[in-house]
Amino acid sequence: MTYSSSLAMNRHRFAGRNQNAVSFRVTERTLGPISNTIILIVLACLLGLLYLTQVTKTNAYGYQINGLQEQQTSLKSEHDDLEVASARLQSLNRTQDSAVAKGLVSVAPSDTVQN
């Protein structure tokens, strides 16, 4: 085989007239096992951080809810105490204004007891 016939057979390798001199090769790039391991470790760390932020938020809300519940119970007990005091104060006026109390006669002491 001569030089010219070998060029004719491999013509697609060499650029002819009005043709691009650069041939593009399509090569697939794949990640190696070390790169895959590093990426998985980084993703696991990110998921761990996400989990920790969610747990921290939940705990913070739990403390707020606990504080509000304690405030609610203290306000309920104060409300109950105020209801009792209100009923006690209103009972004096009710007994004075009742028909039975108006029908009573005041009694003056008539005599003293001596031993």
C-alpha atoms as a PDB file:
ATOM      1  CA  MET A   1       0.000   0.000   0.000  1.00  0.00           C
ATOM      2  CA  THR A   2       1.400   3.329  -0.955  1.00  0.00           C
ATOM      3  CA  TYR A   3       1.324   6.540   0.952  1.00  0.00           C
ATOM      4  CA  SER A   4      -1.353   8.051  -1.249  1.00  0.00           C
ATOM      5  CA  SER A   5      -3.661   5.058  -0.949  1.00  0.00           C
ATOM      6  CA  SER A   6      -3.288   5.063   2.823  1.00  0.00           C
ATOM      7  CA  LEU A   7      -4.267   8.727   2.841  1.00  0.00           C
ATOM      8  CA  ALA A   8      -7.265   7.964   0.681  1.00  0.00           C
ATOM      9  CA  MET A   9      -8.435   5.253   3.043  1.00  0.00           C
ATOM     10  CA  ASN A  10      -8.066   7.459   6.126  1.00  0.00           C
ATOM     11  CA  ARG A  11      -9.467  10.599   4.571  1.00  0.00           C
ATOM     12  CA  HIS A  12     -11.855  11.306   7.408  1.00  0.00           C
ATOM     13  CA  ARG A  13      -8.876  11.855   9.742  1.00  0.00           C
ATOM     14  CA  PHE A  14      -7.296  14.637   7.733  1.00  0.00           C
ATOM     15  CA  ALA A  15      -8.914  17.892   6.819  1.00  0.00           C
ATOM     16  CA  GLY A  16      -9.445  18.595   3.174  1.00  0.00           C
ATOM     17  CA  ARG A  17     -10.095  21.850   1.502  1.00  0.00           C
ATOM     18  CA  ASN A  18     -12.829  24.033   3.158  1.00  0.00           C
ATOM     19  CA  GLN A  19     -13.155  21.638   6.029  1.00  0.00           C
ATOM     20  CA  ASN A  20     -12.574  22.128   9.708  1.00  0.00           C
ATOM     21  CA  ALA A  21      -9.186  21.003  10.879  1.00  0.00           C
ATOM     22  CA  VAL A  22     -10.441  20.207  14.371  1.00  0.00           C
ATOM     23  CA  SER A  23     -12.433  17.103  14.994  1.00  0.00           C
ATOM     24  CA  PHE A  24     -14.569  16.957  18.093  1.00  0.00           C
ATOM     25  CA  ARG A  25     -14.675  13.811  20.119  1.00  0.00           C
ATOM     26  CA  VAL A  26     -17.576  13.108  22.408  1.00  0.00           C
ATOM     27  CA  THR A  27     -16.210  11.741  25.611  1.00  0.00           C
ATOM     28  CA  GLU A  28     -18.277  10.889  28.632  1.00  0.00           C
ATOM     29  CA  ARG A  29     -16.963  12.044  31.934  1.00  0.00           C
ATOM     30  CA  THR A  30     -17.826   9.862  34.855  1.00  0.00           C
ATOM     31  CA  LEU A  31     -17.084  10.277  38.493  1.00  0.00           C
ATOM     32  CA  GLY A  32     -14.751   7.870  40.148  1.00  0.00           C
ATOM     33  CA  PRO A  33     -15.446   5.928  43.339  1.00  0.00           C
ATOM     34  CA  ILE A  34     -13.613   8.444  45.522  1.00  0.00           C
ATOM     35  CA  SER A  35     -15.604  11.360  44.104  1.00  0.00           C
ATOM     36  CA  ASN A  36     -18.850   9.440  44.634  1.00  0.00           C
ATOM     37  CA  THR A  37     -17.884   8.726  48.239  1.00  0.00           C
ATOM     38  CA  ILE A  38     -17.036  12.369  48.921  1.00  0.00           C
ATOM     39  CA  ILE A  39     -20.319  13.536  47.391  1.00  0.00           C
ATOM     40  CA  LEU A  40     -22.291  11.038  49.490  1.00  0.00           C
ATOM     41  CA  ILE A  41     -20.525  12.178  52.661  1.00  0.00           C
ATOM     42  CA  VAL A  42     -21.276  15.834  51.882  1.00  0.00           C
ATOM     43  CA  LEU A  43     -24.946  15.008  51.215  1.00  0.00           C
ATOM     44  CA  ALA A  44     -25.169  13.062  54.479  1.00  0.00           C
ATOM     45  CA  CYS A  45     -23.694  16.050  56.348  1.00  0.00           C
ATOM     46  CA  LEU A  46     -26.204  18.398  54.724  1.00  0.00           C
ATOM     47  CA  LEU A  47     -29.091  16.120  55.662  1.00  0.00           C
ATOM     48  CA  GLY A  48     -27.769  15.956  59.227  1.00  0.00           C
ATOM     49  CA  LEU A  49     -27.612  19.742  59.448  1.00  0.00           C
ATOM     50  CA  LEU A  50     -31.144  20.020  58.080  1.00  0.00           C
ATOM     51  CA  TYR A  51     -32.353  17.523  60.678  1.00  0.00           C
ATOM     52  CA  LEU A  52     -30.617  19.400  63.496  1.00  0.00           C
ATOM     53  CA  THR A  53     -32.123  22.740  62.466  1.00  0.00           C
ATOM     54  CA  GLN A  54     -35.607  21.226  62.422  1.00  0.00           C
ATOM     55  CA  VAL A  55     -35.143  19.633  65.842  1.00  0.00           C
ATOM     56  CA  THR A  56     -33.824  22.904  67.259  1.00  0.00           C
ATOM     57  CA  LYS A  57     -36.823  24.811  65.911  1.00  0.00           C
ATOM     58  CA  THR A  58     -39.183  22.214  67.374  1.00  0.00           C
ATOM     59  CA  ASN A  59     -37.529  22.479  70.779  1.00  0.00           C
ATOM     60  CA  ALA A  60     -37.704  26.271  70.682  1.00  0.00           C
ATOM     61  CA  TYR A  61     -41.421  26.131  69.905  1.00  0.00           C
ATOM     62  CA  GLY A  62     -41.842  23.589  72.707  1.00  0.00           C
ATOM     63  CA  TYR A  63     -40.347  26.015  75.218  1.00  0.00           C
ATOM     64  CA  GLN A  64     -42.647  28.788  74.021  1.00  0.00           C
ATOM     65  CA  ILE A  65     -45.688  26.515  74.252  1.00  0.00           C
ATOM     66  CA  ASN A  66     -44.697  25.397  77.742  1.00  0.00           C
ATOM     67  CA  GLY A  67     -44.338  29.013  78.887  1.00  0.00           C
ATOM     68  CA  LEU A  68     -47.720  29.926  77.429  1.00  0.00           C
ATOM     69  CA  GLN A  69     -49.371  26.922  79.103  1.00  0.00           C
ATOM     70  CA  GLU A  70     -47.924  27.921  82.482  1.00  0.00           C
ATOM     71  CA  GLN A  71     -49.181  31.470  81.953  1.00  0.00           C
ATOM     72  CA  GLN A  72     -52.609  30.097  81.033  1.00  0.00           C
ATOM     73  CA  THR A  73     -52.865  28.008  84.216  1.00  0.00           C
ATOM     74  CA  SER A  74     -51.776  30.937  86.399  1.00  0.00           C
ATOM     75  CA  LEU A  75     -54.353  33.199  84.732  1.00  0.00           C
ATOM     76  CA  LYS A  76     -57.079  30.571  85.210  1.00  0.00           C
ATOM     77  CA  SER A  77     -56.299  30.251  88.923  1.00  0.00           C
ATOM     78  CA  GLU A  78     -56.270  34.051  89.275  1.00  0.00           C
ATOM     79  CA  HIS A  79     -59.634  34.191  87.460  1.00  0.00           C
ATOM     80  CA  ASP A  80     -61.097  31.607  89.828  1.00  0.00           C
ATOM     81  CA  ASP A  81     -59.825  33.552  92.854  1.00  0.00           C
ATOM     82  CA  LEU A  82     -61.352  36.748  91.484  1.00  0.00           C
ATOM     83  CA  GLU A  83     -64.691  35.003  90.936  1.00  0.00           C
ATOM     84  CA  VAL A  84     -64.722  33.843  94.563  1.00  0.00           C
ATOM     85  CA  ALA A  85     -63.841  37.343  95.812  1.00  0.00           C
ATOM     86  CA  SER A  86     -66.528  38.883  93.598  1.00  0.00           C
ATOM     87  CA  ALA A  87     -69.161  36.463  94.859  1.00  0.00           C
ATOM     88  CA  ARG A  88     -68.148  37.167  98.475  1.00  0.00           C
ATOM     89  CA  LEU A  89     -68.362  40.941  97.978  1.00  0.00           C
ATOM     90  CA  GLN A  90     -71.671  40.758  96.158  1.00  0.00           C
ATOM     91  CA  SER A  91     -73.193  38.495  98.811  1.00  0.00           C
ATOM     92  CA  LEU A  92     -73.199  41.305 101.418  1.00  0.00           C
ATOM     93  CA  ASN A  93     -75.190  43.589  99.119  1.00  0.00           C
ATOM     94  CA  ARG A  94     -77.565  40.804  98.142  1.00  0.00           C
ATOM     95  CA  THR A  95     -78.331  39.879 101.725  1.00  0.00           C
ATOM     96  CA  GLN A  96     -78.939  43.509 102.709  1.00  0.00           C
ATOM     97  CA  ASP A  97     -81.233  44.091  99.745  1.00  0.00           C
ATOM     98  CA  SER A  98     -83.191  40.838 100.102  1.00  0.00           C
ATOM     99  CA  ALA A  99     -86.807  40.817 101.314  1.00  0.00           C
ATOM    100  CA  VAL A 100     -85.965  38.564 104.248  1.00  0.00           C
ATOM    101  CA  ALA A 101     -83.309  40.980 105.528  1.00  0.00           C
ATOM    102  CA  LYS A 102     -85.720  43.912 105.217  1.00  0.00           C
ATOM    103  CA  GLY A 103     -88.307  42.036 107.227  1.00  0.00           C
ATOM    104  CA  LEU A 104     -85.964  41.505 110.170  1.00  0.00           C
ATOM    105  CA  VAL A 105     -86.239  43.681 113.239  1.00  0.00           C
ATOM    106  CA  SER A 106     -83.199  45.038 114.976  1.00  0.00           C
ATOM    107  CA  VAL A 107     -82.967  44.037 118.593  1.00  0.00           C
ATOM    108  CA  ALA A 108     -81.386  46.058 121.349  1.00  0.00           C
ATOM    109  CA  PRO A 109     -79.909  44.221 124.318  1.00  0.00           C
ATOM    110  CA  SER A 110     -82.348  44.317 127.211  1.00  0.00           C
ATOM    111  CA  ASP A 111     -80.257  43.116 130.051  1.00  0.00           C
ATOM    112  CA  THR A 112     -76.823  41.868 130.909  1.00  0.00           C
ATOM    113  CA  VAL A 113     -76.023  38.575 132.506  1.00  0.00           C
ATOM    114  CA  GLN A 114     -74.191  38.637 135.786  1.00  0.00           C
ATOM    115  CA  ASN A 115     -72.600  35.750 137.559  1.00  0.00           C
END
